[in-house]
Each structure stands twice: as C-alpha cells, then as structure tokens.
Amino acid sequence: MTVLFCGVAGSPRSAKRSIPSGCVRCLRYFELIRAILERHGGSVEKFIGDAVMAVFDVPVLHEDKALRAVRSQSRCATRSPSSSWRGGSAS
C-alpha cells in the first residue's frame, strides 16, 4: 500500500482572511483533487484541514502503486488554487 499526504502550503494564513466564497472555492478544489486521485487509482481516506490523505492499492491491487501516487501528486500540483502544493508519499 502507498499512502499520499498533500495539502495547500500557506493555507493557515489565508484561512484567517477567508470569506464564504473562498470556502466554496476550496471545497470545489478538494472535489477536483479527489477526482484526480481516483483517476490514478487512489482512494481518499480523509481530509484533514487543508490536507488530503489518500491510499493506493486499496481495494484494487496495482503493481505500480507508488508511480500512480507520484503521478497524481504531480497532477494535483498543477491544479493548486493560488498557493503552492506540498505533498509526499510513503510506500
């Protein structure tokens, strides 16, 4: 199993200035991230504040699970709303 953690860098500072429309944009962003992860064979286990924890190889086994995690993180990084994306994975 491969686990991927990623979140929006700098979001605690921007959350203090957030307005309701910003919250809606953030929710839409996380739906986009979920779709990217699922497209690469990942499953979102939980959202933790501004971060996402996803697993690869559950429930379907893939020999290239780590590569799938890296590819999905790379795709998520290009979709970052207005902050940079930070993330990492562990097999």
PDB file of N, CA and C in Angstrom:
ATOM      1  N   MET A   1       0.850  -1.164   0.000  1.00  0.00           N
ATOM      2  CA  MET A   1       0.000   0.000   0.000  1.00  0.00           C
ATOM      3  C   MET A   1       0.903   1.237   0.000  1.00  0.00           C
ATOM      4  N   THR A   2       0.480   2.259  -0.711  1.00  0.00           N
ATOM      5  CA  THR A   2       1.154   3.552  -0.728  1.00  0.00           C
ATOM      6  C   THR A   2       0.197   4.593  -0.180  1.00  0.00           C
ATOM      7  N   VAL A   3       0.704   5.435   0.716  1.00  0.00           N
ATOM      8  CA  VAL A   3      -0.104   6.493   1.321  1.00  0.00           C
ATOM      9  C   VAL A   3       0.428   7.831   0.839  1.00  0.00           C
ATOM     10  N   LEU A   4      -0.471   8.713   0.442  1.00  0.00           N
ATOM     11  CA  LEU A   4      -0.107  10.039  -0.038  1.00  0.00           C
ATOM     12  C   LEU A   4      -0.734  11.087   0.882  1.00  0.00           C
ATOM     13  N   PHE A   5       0.079  11.993   1.391  1.00  0.00           N
ATOM     14  CA  PHE A   5      -0.396  13.138   2.158  1.00  0.00           C
ATOM     15  C   PHE A   5      -0.065  14.378   1.344  1.00  0.00           C
ATOM     16  N   CYS A   6      -1.004  15.263   1.172  1.00  0.00           N
ATOM     17  CA  CYS A   6      -0.708  16.515   0.495  1.00  0.00           C
ATOM     18  C   CYS A   6      -1.680  17.587   0.982  1.00  0.00           C
ATOM     19  N   GLY A   7      -1.208  18.815   0.934  1.00  0.00           N
ATOM     20  CA  GLY A   7      -2.034  19.929   1.383  1.00  0.00           C
ATOM     21  C   GLY A   7      -1.604  21.218   0.714  1.00  0.00           C
ATOM     22  N   VAL A   8      -2.363  22.253   0.927  1.00  0.00           N
ATOM     23  CA  VAL A   8      -2.086  23.549   0.333  1.00  0.00           C
ATOM     24  C   VAL A   8      -1.157  24.322   1.255  1.00  0.00           C
ATOM     25  N   ALA A   9       0.040  24.645   0.763  1.00  0.00           N
ATOM     26  CA  ALA A   9       1.021  25.390   1.562  1.00  0.00           C
ATOM     27  C   ALA A   9       0.526  26.819   1.776  1.00  0.00           C
ATOM     28  N   GLY A  10       0.680  27.306   3.000  1.00  0.00           N
ATOM     29  CA  GLY A  10       0.284  28.678   3.312  1.00  0.00           C
ATOM     30  C   GLY A  10      -1.192  28.848   3.600  1.00  0.00           C
ATOM     31  N   SER A  11      -1.952  27.773   3.630  1.00  0.00           N
ATOM     32  CA  SER A  11      -3.399  27.925   3.832  1.00  0.00           C
ATOM     33  C   SER A  11      -3.787  28.400   5.220  1.00  0.00           C
ATOM     34  N   PRO A  12      -3.050  28.095   6.306  1.00  0.00           N
ATOM     35  CA  PRO A  12      -3.472  28.636   7.607  1.00  0.00           C
ATOM     36  C   PRO A  12      -3.516  30.159   7.611  1.00  0.00           C
ATOM     37  N   ARG A  13      -2.553  30.797   6.953  1.00  0.00           N
ATOM     38  CA  ARG A  13      -2.557  32.260   6.876  1.00  0.00           C
ATOM     39  C   ARG A  13      -3.728  32.769   6.052  1.00  0.00           C
ATOM     40  N   SER A  14      -3.982  32.110   4.905  1.00  0.00           N
ATOM     41  CA  SER A  14      -5.067  32.580   4.048  1.00  0.00           C
ATOM     42  C   SER A  14      -6.433  32.270   4.655  1.00  0.00           C
ATOM     43  N   ALA A  15      -6.536  31.244   5.484  1.00  0.00           N
ATOM     44  CA  ALA A  15      -7.814  30.898   6.106  1.00  0.00           C
ATOM     45  C   ALA A  15      -8.290  32.004   7.040  1.00  0.00           C
ATOM     46  N   LYS A  16      -7.354  32.698   7.656  1.00  0.00           N
ATOM     47  CA  LYS A  16      -7.729  33.787   8.553  1.00  0.00           C
ATOM     48  C   LYS A  16      -8.407  34.921   7.800  1.00  0.00           C
ATOM     49  N   ARG A  17      -8.058  35.069   6.517  1.00  0.00           N
ATOM     50  CA  ARG A  17      -8.634  36.136   5.708  1.00  0.00           C
ATOM     51  C   ARG A  17      -9.783  35.619   4.845  1.00  0.00           C
ATOM     52  N   SER A  18     -10.146  34.361   5.003  1.00  0.00           N
ATOM     53  CA  SER A  18     -11.107  33.719   4.123  1.00  0.00           C
ATOM     54  C   SER A  18     -12.504  34.298   4.266  1.00  0.00           C
ATOM     55  N   ILE A  19     -13.203  34.319   3.157  1.00  0.00           N
ATOM     56  CA  ILE A  19     -14.600  34.713   3.128  1.00  0.00           C
ATOM     57  C   ILE A  19     -15.395  33.525   2.619  1.00  0.00           C
ATOM     58  N   PRO A  20     -16.714  33.539   2.776  1.00  0.00           N
ATOM     59  CA  PRO A  20     -17.507  32.369   2.359  1.00  0.00           C
ATOM     60  C   PRO A  20     -17.247  31.918   0.924  1.00  0.00           C
ATOM     61  N   SER A  21     -17.080  32.835  -0.004  1.00  0.00           N
ATOM     62  CA  SER A  21     -16.831  32.419  -1.394  1.00  0.00           C
ATOM     63  C   SER A  21     -15.503  31.675  -1.495  1.00  0.00           C
ATOM     64  N   GLY A  22     -14.535  32.048  -0.659  1.00  0.00           N
ATOM     65  CA  GLY A  22     -13.255  31.334  -0.630  1.00  0.00           C
ATOM     66  C   GLY A  22     -13.428  29.922  -0.127  1.00  0.00           C
ATOM     67  N   CYS A  23     -14.323  29.724   0.832  1.00  0.00           N
ATOM     68  CA  CYS A  23     -14.592  28.375   1.353  1.00  0.00           C
ATOM     69  C   CYS A  23     -15.225  27.497   0.281  1.00  0.00           C
ATOM     70  N   VAL A  24     -16.137  28.074  -0.476  1.00  0.00           N
ATOM     71  CA  VAL A  24     -16.777  27.321  -1.556  1.00  0.00           C
ATOM     72  C   VAL A  24     -15.744  26.936  -2.603  1.00  0.00           C
ATOM     73  N   ARG A  25     -14.856  27.867  -2.941  1.00  0.00           N
ATOM     74  CA  ARG A  25     -13.802  27.585  -3.916  1.00  0.00           C
ATOM     75  C   ARG A  25     -12.899  26.462  -3.397  1.00  0.00           C
ATOM     76  N   CYS A  26     -12.604  26.478  -2.110  1.00  0.00           N
ATOM     77  CA  CYS A  26     -11.770  25.441  -1.506  1.00  0.00           C
ATOM     78  C   CYS A  26     -12.452  24.073  -1.590  1.00  0.00           C
ATOM     79  N   LEU A  27     -13.745  24.019  -1.314  1.00  0.00           N
ATOM     80  CA  LEU A  27     -14.474  22.750  -1.400  1.00  0.00           C
ATOM     81  C   LEU A  27     -14.473  22.213  -2.821  1.00  0.00           C
ATOM     82  N   ARG A  28     -14.666  23.092  -3.778  1.00  0.00           N
ATOM     83  CA  ARG A  28     -14.616  22.667  -5.189  1.00  0.00           C
ATOM     84  C   ARG A  28     -13.231  22.150  -5.546  1.00  0.00           C
ATOM     85  N   TYR A  29     -12.223  22.806  -5.008  1.00  0.00           N
ATOM     86  CA  TYR A  29     -10.845  22.389  -5.246  1.00  0.00           C
ATOM     87  C   TYR A  29     -10.609  20.975  -4.715  1.00  0.00           C
ATOM     88  N   PHE A  30     -11.088  20.678  -3.516  1.00  0.00           N
ATOM     89  CA  PHE A  30     -10.895  19.343  -2.959  1.00  0.00           C
ATOM     90  C   PHE A  30     -11.677  18.287  -3.728  1.00  0.00           C
ATOM     91  N   GLU A  31     -12.800  18.647  -4.310  1.00  0.00           N
ATOM     92  CA  GLU A  31     -13.519  17.702  -5.163  1.00  0.00           C
ATOM     93  C   GLU A  31     -12.696  17.400  -6.415  1.00  0.00           C
ATOM     94  N   LEU A  32     -12.035  18.417  -6.944  1.00  0.00           N
ATOM     95  CA  LEU A  32     -11.159  18.217  -8.085  1.00  0.00           C
ATOM     96  C   LEU A  32      -9.996  17.297  -7.718  1.00  0.00           C
ATOM     97  N   ILE A  33      -9.407  17.521  -6.550  1.00  0.00           N
ATOM     98  CA  ILE A  33      -8.298  16.691  -6.089  1.00  0.00           C
ATOM     99  C   ILE A  33      -8.752  15.239  -5.918  1.00  0.00           C
ATOM    100  N   ARG A  34      -9.938  15.059  -5.345  1.00  0.00           N
ATOM    101  CA  ARG A  34     -10.477  13.696  -5.188  1.00  0.00           C
ATOM    102  C   ARG A  34     -10.599  13.008  -6.547  1.00  0.00           C
ATOM    103  N   ALA A  35     -11.101  13.728  -7.535  1.00  0.00           N
ATOM    104  CA  ALA A  35     -11.264  13.147  -8.870  1.00  0.00           C
ATOM    105  C   ALA A  35      -9.916  12.771  -9.475  1.00  0.00           C
ATOM    106  N   ILE A  36      -8.904  13.618  -9.305  1.00  0.00           N
ATOM    107  CA  ILE A  36      -7.565  13.317  -9.817  1.00  0.00           C
ATOM    108  C   ILE A  36      -7.017  12.056  -9.159  1.00  0.00           C
ATOM    109  N   LEU A  37      -7.127  11.979  -7.840  1.00  0.00           N
ATOM    110  CA  LEU A  37      -6.617  10.814  -7.112  1.00  0.00           C
ATOM    111  C   LEU A  37      -7.323   9.539  -7.554  1.00  0.00           C
ATOM    112  N   GLU A  38      -8.640   9.596  -7.695  1.00  0.00           N
ATOM    113  CA  GLU A  38      -9.401   8.418  -8.100  1.00  0.00           C
ATOM    114  C   GLU A  38      -9.062   8.007  -9.527  1.00  0.00           C
ATOM    115  N   ARG A  39      -8.823   8.979 -10.398  1.00  0.00           N
ATOM    116  CA  ARG A  39      -8.448   8.690 -11.777  1.00  0.00           C
ATOM    117  C   ARG A  39      -7.132   7.908 -11.845  1.00  0.00           C
ATOM    118  N   HIS A  40      -6.276   8.119 -10.864  1.00  0.00           N
ATOM    119  CA  HIS A  40      -4.985   7.429 -10.822  1.00  0.00           C
ATOM    120  C   HIS A  40      -5.025   6.177  -9.939  1.00  0.00           C
ATOM    121  N   GLY A  41      -6.206   5.779  -9.506  1.00  0.00           N
ATOM    122  CA  GLY A  41      -6.339   4.552  -8.727  1.00  0.00           C
ATOM    123  C   GLY A  41      -6.238   4.736  -7.231  1.00  0.00           C
ATOM    124  N   GLY A  42      -6.277   5.980  -6.763  1.00  0.00           N
ATOM    125  CA  GLY A  42      -6.212   6.255  -5.329  1.00  0.00           C
ATOM    126  C   GLY A  42      -7.593   6.396  -4.719  1.00  0.00           C
ATOM    127  N   SER A  43      -7.654   6.285  -3.403  1.00  0.00           N
ATOM    128  CA  SER A  43      -8.894   6.483  -2.658  1.00  0.00           C
ATOM    129  C   SER A  43      -8.623   7.464  -1.531  1.00  0.00           C
ATOM    130  N   VAL A  44      -9.443   8.501  -1.444  1.00  0.00           N
ATOM    131  CA  VAL A  44      -9.280   9.466  -0.357  1.00  0.00           C
ATOM    132  C   VAL A  44      -9.746   8.813   0.929  1.00  0.00           C
ATOM    133  N   GLU A  45      -8.849   8.754   1.899  1.00  0.00           N
ATOM    134  CA  GLU A  45      -9.199   8.213   3.215  1.00  0.00           C
ATOM    135  C   GLU A  45      -9.816   9.300   4.082  1.00  0.00           C
ATOM    136  N   LYS A  46      -9.231  10.500   4.036  1.00  0.00           N
ATOM    137  CA  LYS A  46      -9.783  11.592   4.842  1.00  0.00           C
ATOM    138  C   LYS A  46      -9.206  12.922   4.414  1.00  0.00           C
ATOM    139  N   PHE A  47      -9.966  13.955   4.713  1.00  0.00           N
ATOM    140  CA  PHE A  47      -9.499  15.331   4.584  1.00  0.00           C
ATOM    141  C   PHE A  47      -9.158  15.786   5.993  1.00  0.00           C
ATOM    142  N   ILE A  48      -7.990  16.399   6.148  1.00  0.00           N
ATOM    143  CA  ILE A  48      -7.531  16.855   7.460  1.00  0.00           C
ATOM    144  C   ILE A  48      -7.189  18.336   7.316  1.00  0.00           C
ATOM    145  N   GLY A  49      -8.116  19.200   7.680  1.00  0.00           N
ATOM    146  CA  GLY A  49      -7.886  20.625   7.486  1.00  0.00           C
ATOM    147  C   GLY A  49      -7.714  20.925   6.015  1.00  0.00           C
ATOM    148  N   ASP A  50      -6.543  21.427   5.643  1.00  0.00           N
ATOM    149  CA  ASP A  50      -6.257  21.730   4.241  1.00  0.00           C
ATOM    150  C   ASP A  50      -5.580  20.572   3.524  1.00  0.00           C
ATOM    151  N   ALA A  51      -5.438  19.451   4.177  1.00  0.00           N
ATOM    152  CA  ALA A  51      -4.693  18.319   3.620  1.00  0.00           C
ATOM    153  C   ALA A  51      -5.608  17.155   3.239  1.00  0.00           C
ATOM    154  N   VAL A  52      -5.054  16.297   2.394  1.00  0.00           N
ATOM    155  CA  VAL A  52      -5.746  15.098   1.946  1.00  0.00           C
ATOM    156  C   VAL A  52      -4.846  13.904   2.239  1.00  0.00           C
ATOM    157  N   MET A  53      -5.440  12.846   2.747  1.00  0.00           N
ATOM    158  CA  MET A  53      -4.731  11.586   2.917  1.00  0.00           C
ATOM    159  C   MET A  53      -5.395  10.576   1.986  1.00  0.00           C
ATOM    160  N   ALA A  54      -4.602  10.030   1.065  1.00  0.00           N
ATOM    161  CA  ALA A  54      -5.125   9.059   0.103  1.00  0.00           C
ATOM    162  C   ALA A  54      -4.282   7.792   0.140  1.00  0.00           C
ATOM    163  N   VAL A  55      -4.898   6.694  -0.229  1.00  0.00           N
ATOM    164  CA  VAL A  55      -4.184   5.416  -0.298  1.00  0.00           C
ATOM    165  C   VAL A  55      -4.287   4.865  -1.712  1.00  0.00           C
ATOM    166  N   PHE A  56      -3.253   4.152  -2.108  1.00  0.00           N
ATOM    167  CA  PHE A  56      -3.211   3.487  -3.405  1.00  0.00           C
ATOM    168  C   PHE A  56      -3.001   2.007  -3.134  1.00  0.00           C
ATOM    169  N   ASP A  57      -3.656   1.172  -3.895  1.00  0.00           N
ATOM    170  CA  ASP A  57      -3.605  -0.289  -3.764  1.00  0.00           C
ATOM    171  C   ASP A  57      -4.761  -0.803  -2.917  1.00  0.00           C
ATOM    172  N   VAL A  58      -5.731   0.053  -2.650  1.00  0.00           N
ATOM    173  CA  VAL A  58      -6.913  -0.345  -1.881  1.00  0.00           C
ATOM    174  C   VAL A  58      -8.142   0.157  -2.635  1.00  0.00           C
ATOM    175  N   PRO A  59      -9.116  -0.593  -2.970  1.00  0.00           N
ATOM    176  CA  PRO A  59      -9.263  -2.039  -2.796  1.00  0.00           C
ATOM    177  C   PRO A  59      -8.649  -2.838  -3.943  1.00  0.00           C
ATOM    178  N   VAL A  60      -8.247  -2.150  -5.046  1.00  0.00           N
ATOM    179  CA  VAL A  60      -7.678  -2.853  -6.198  1.00  0.00           C
ATOM    180  C   VAL A  60      -6.158  -2.799  -6.125  1.00  0.00           C
ATOM    181  N   LEU A  61      -5.516  -3.964  -6.265  1.00  0.00           N
ATOM    182  CA  LEU A  61      -4.056  -4.031  -6.214  1.00  0.00           C
ATOM    183  C   LEU A  61      -3.446  -3.590  -7.544  1.00  0.00           C
ATOM    184  N   HIS A  62      -2.408  -2.756  -7.442  1.00  0.00           N
ATOM    185  CA  HIS A  62      -1.675  -2.296  -8.624  1.00  0.00           C
ATOM    186  C   HIS A  62      -0.185  -2.432  -8.339  1.00  0.00           C
ATOM    187  N   GLU A  63       0.541  -3.029  -9.255  1.00  0.00           N
ATOM    188  CA  GLU A  63       1.991  -3.172  -9.084  1.00  0.00           C
ATOM    189  C   GLU A  63       2.694  -1.816  -9.073  1.00  0.00           C
ATOM    190  N   ASP A  64       2.134  -0.845  -9.778  1.00  0.00           N
ATOM    191  CA  ASP A  64       2.759   0.475  -9.917  1.00  0.00           C
ATOM    192  C   ASP A  64       2.125   1.524  -9.000  1.00  0.00           C
ATOM    193  N   LYS A  65       1.720   1.097  -7.816  1.00  0.00           N
ATOM    194  CA  LYS A  65       1.002   1.995  -6.902  1.00  0.00           C
ATOM    195  C   LYS A  65       1.802   3.247  -6.542  1.00  0.00           C
ATOM    196  N   ALA A  66       3.096   3.123  -6.303  1.00  0.00           N
ATOM    197  CA  ALA A  66       3.910   4.293  -5.950  1.00  0.00           C
ATOM    198  C   ALA A  66       3.978   5.268  -7.122  1.00  0.00           C
ATOM    199  N   LEU A  67       4.130   4.749  -8.327  1.00  0.00           N
ATOM    200  CA  LEU A  67       4.151   5.599  -9.516  1.00  0.00           C
ATOM    201  C   LEU A  67       2.811   6.309  -9.693  1.00  0.00           C
ATOM    202  N   ARG A  68       1.722   5.609  -9.438  1.00  0.00           N
ATOM    203  CA  ARG A  68       0.394   6.223  -9.514  1.00  0.00           C
ATOM    204  C   ARG A  68       0.266   7.366  -8.511  1.00  0.00           C
ATOM    205  N   ALA A  69       0.788   7.179  -7.309  1.00  0.00           N
ATOM    206  CA  ALA A  69       0.734   8.229  -6.285  1.00  0.00           C
ATOM    207  C   ALA A  69       1.537   9.453  -6.715  1.00  0.00           C
ATOM    208  N   VAL A  70       2.722   9.227  -7.249  1.00  0.00           N
ATOM    209  CA  VAL A  70       3.568  10.337  -7.699  1.00  0.00           C
ATOM    210  C   VAL A  70       2.907  11.080  -8.851  1.00  0.00           C
ATOM    211  N   ARG A  71       2.344  10.347  -9.786  1.00  0.00           N
ATOM    212  CA  ARG A  71       1.672  10.991 -10.920  1.00  0.00           C
ATOM    213  C   ARG A  71       0.469  11.806 -10.467  1.00  0.00           C
ATOM    214  N   SER A  72      -0.293  11.282  -9.524  1.00  0.00           N
ATOM    215  CA  SER A  72      -1.464  12.029  -9.051  1.00  0.00           C
ATOM    216  C   SER A  72      -1.035  13.279  -8.290  1.00  0.00           C
ATOM    217  N   GLN A  73       0.025  13.171  -7.487  1.00  0.00           N
ATOM    218  CA  GLN A  73       0.511  14.346  -6.753  1.00  0.00           C
ATOM    219  C   GLN A  73       1.008  15.406  -7.729  1.00  0.00           C
ATOM    220  N   SER A  74       1.679  14.985  -8.782  1.00  0.00           N
ATOM    221  CA  SER A  74       2.163  15.912  -9.792  1.00  0.00           C
ATOM    222  C   SER A  74       0.995  16.631 -10.467  1.00  0.00           C
ATOM    223  N   ARG A  75      -0.052  15.893 -10.757  1.00  0.00           N
ATOM    224  CA  ARG A  75      -1.256  16.472 -11.382  1.00  0.00           C
ATOM    225  C   ARG A  75      -1.942  17.430 -10.414  1.00  0.00           C
ATOM    226  N   CYS A  76      -2.010  17.059  -9.142  1.00  0.00           N
ATOM    227  CA  CYS A  76      -2.612  17.939  -8.131  1.00  0.00           C
ATOM    228  C   CYS A  76      -1.825  19.246  -8.026  1.00  0.00           C
ATOM    229  N   ALA A  77      -0.506  19.159  -8.130  1.00  0.00           N
ATOM    230  CA  ALA A  77       0.341  20.347  -8.008  1.00  0.00           C
ATOM    231  C   ALA A  77       0.042  21.356  -9.101  1.00  0.00           C
ATOM    232  N   THR A  78      -0.335  20.885 -10.273  1.00  0.00           N
ATOM    233  CA  THR A  78      -0.641  21.808 -11.370  1.00  0.00           C
ATOM    234  C   THR A  78      -2.017  22.430 -11.215  1.00  0.00           C
ATOM    235  N   ARG A  79      -2.820  21.916 -10.293  1.00  0.00           N
ATOM    236  CA  ARG A  79      -4.171  22.415 -10.073  1.00  0.00           C
ATOM    237  C   ARG A  79      -4.305  23.247  -8.811  1.00  0.00           C
ATOM    238  N   SER A  80      -3.200  23.540  -8.160  1.00  0.00           N
ATOM    239  CA  SER A  80      -3.228  24.297  -6.911  1.00  0.00           C
ATOM    240  C   SER A  80      -3.920  25.642  -7.112  1.00  0.00           C
ATOM    241  N   PRO A  81      -4.843  26.009  -6.228  1.00  0.00           N
ATOM    242  CA  PRO A  81      -5.669  27.199  -6.430  1.00  0.00           C
ATOM    243  C   PRO A  81      -4.847  28.486  -6.547  1.00  0.00           C
ATOM    244  N   SER A  82      -4.266  28.950  -5.479  1.00  0.00           N
ATOM    245  CA  SER A  82      -3.458  30.168  -5.549  1.00  0.00           C
ATOM    246  C   SER A  82      -2.204  30.023  -4.709  1.00  0.00           C
ATOM    247  N   SER A  83      -2.059  28.875  -4.081  1.00  0.00           N
ATOM    248  CA  SER A  83      -0.892  28.596  -3.246  1.00  0.00           C
ATOM    249  C   SER A  83      -0.104  27.471  -3.879  1.00  0.00           C
ATOM    250  N   SER A  84       1.088  27.254  -3.389  1.00  0.00           N
ATOM    251  CA  SER A  84       1.858  26.116  -3.894  1.00  0.00           C
ATOM    252  C   SER A  84       1.390  24.861  -3.177  1.00  0.00           C
ATOM    253  N   TRP A  85       1.607  23.723  -3.825  1.00  0.00           N
ATOM    254  CA  TRP A  85       1.158  22.437  -3.299  1.00  0.00           C
ATOM    255  C   TRP A  85       2.336  21.742  -2.658  1.00  0.00           C
ATOM    256  N   ARG A  86       2.127  21.199  -1.455  1.00  0.00           N
ATOM    257  CA  ARG A  86       3.187  20.405  -0.852  1.00  0.00           C
ATOM    258  C   ARG A  86       2.644  19.006  -0.659  1.00  0.00           C
ATOM    259  N   GLY A  87       3.474  18.029  -0.778  1.00  0.00           N
ATOM    260  CA  GLY A  87       2.983  16.677  -0.635  1.00  0.00           C
ATOM    261  C   GLY A  87       4.109  15.683  -0.572  1.00  0.00           C
ATOM    262  N   GLY A  88       3.767  14.507  -0.154  1.00  0.00           N
ATOM    263  CA  GLY A  88       4.741  13.433  -0.087  1.00  0.00           C
ATOM    264  C   GLY A  88       4.021  12.117  -0.030  1.00  0.00           C
ATOM    265  N   SER A  89       4.739  11.076  -0.304  1.00  0.00           N
ATOM    266  CA  SER A  89       4.125   9.755  -0.233  1.00  0.00           C
ATOM    267  C   SER A  89       5.077   8.793   0.413  1.00  0.00           C
ATOM    268  N   ALA A  90       4.524   7.739   0.953  1.00  0.00           N
ATOM    269  CA  ALA A  90       5.329   6.695   1.575  1.00  0.00           C
ATOM    270  C   ALA A  90       4.760   5.358   1.171  1.00  0.00           C
ATOM    271  N   SER A  91       5.615   4.460   0.754  1.00  0.00           N
ATOM    272  CA  SER A  91       5.154   3.120   0.372  1.00  0.00           C
ATOM    273  C   SER A  91       5.290   2.188   1.550  1.00  0.00           C
TER     274      SER A  91
END
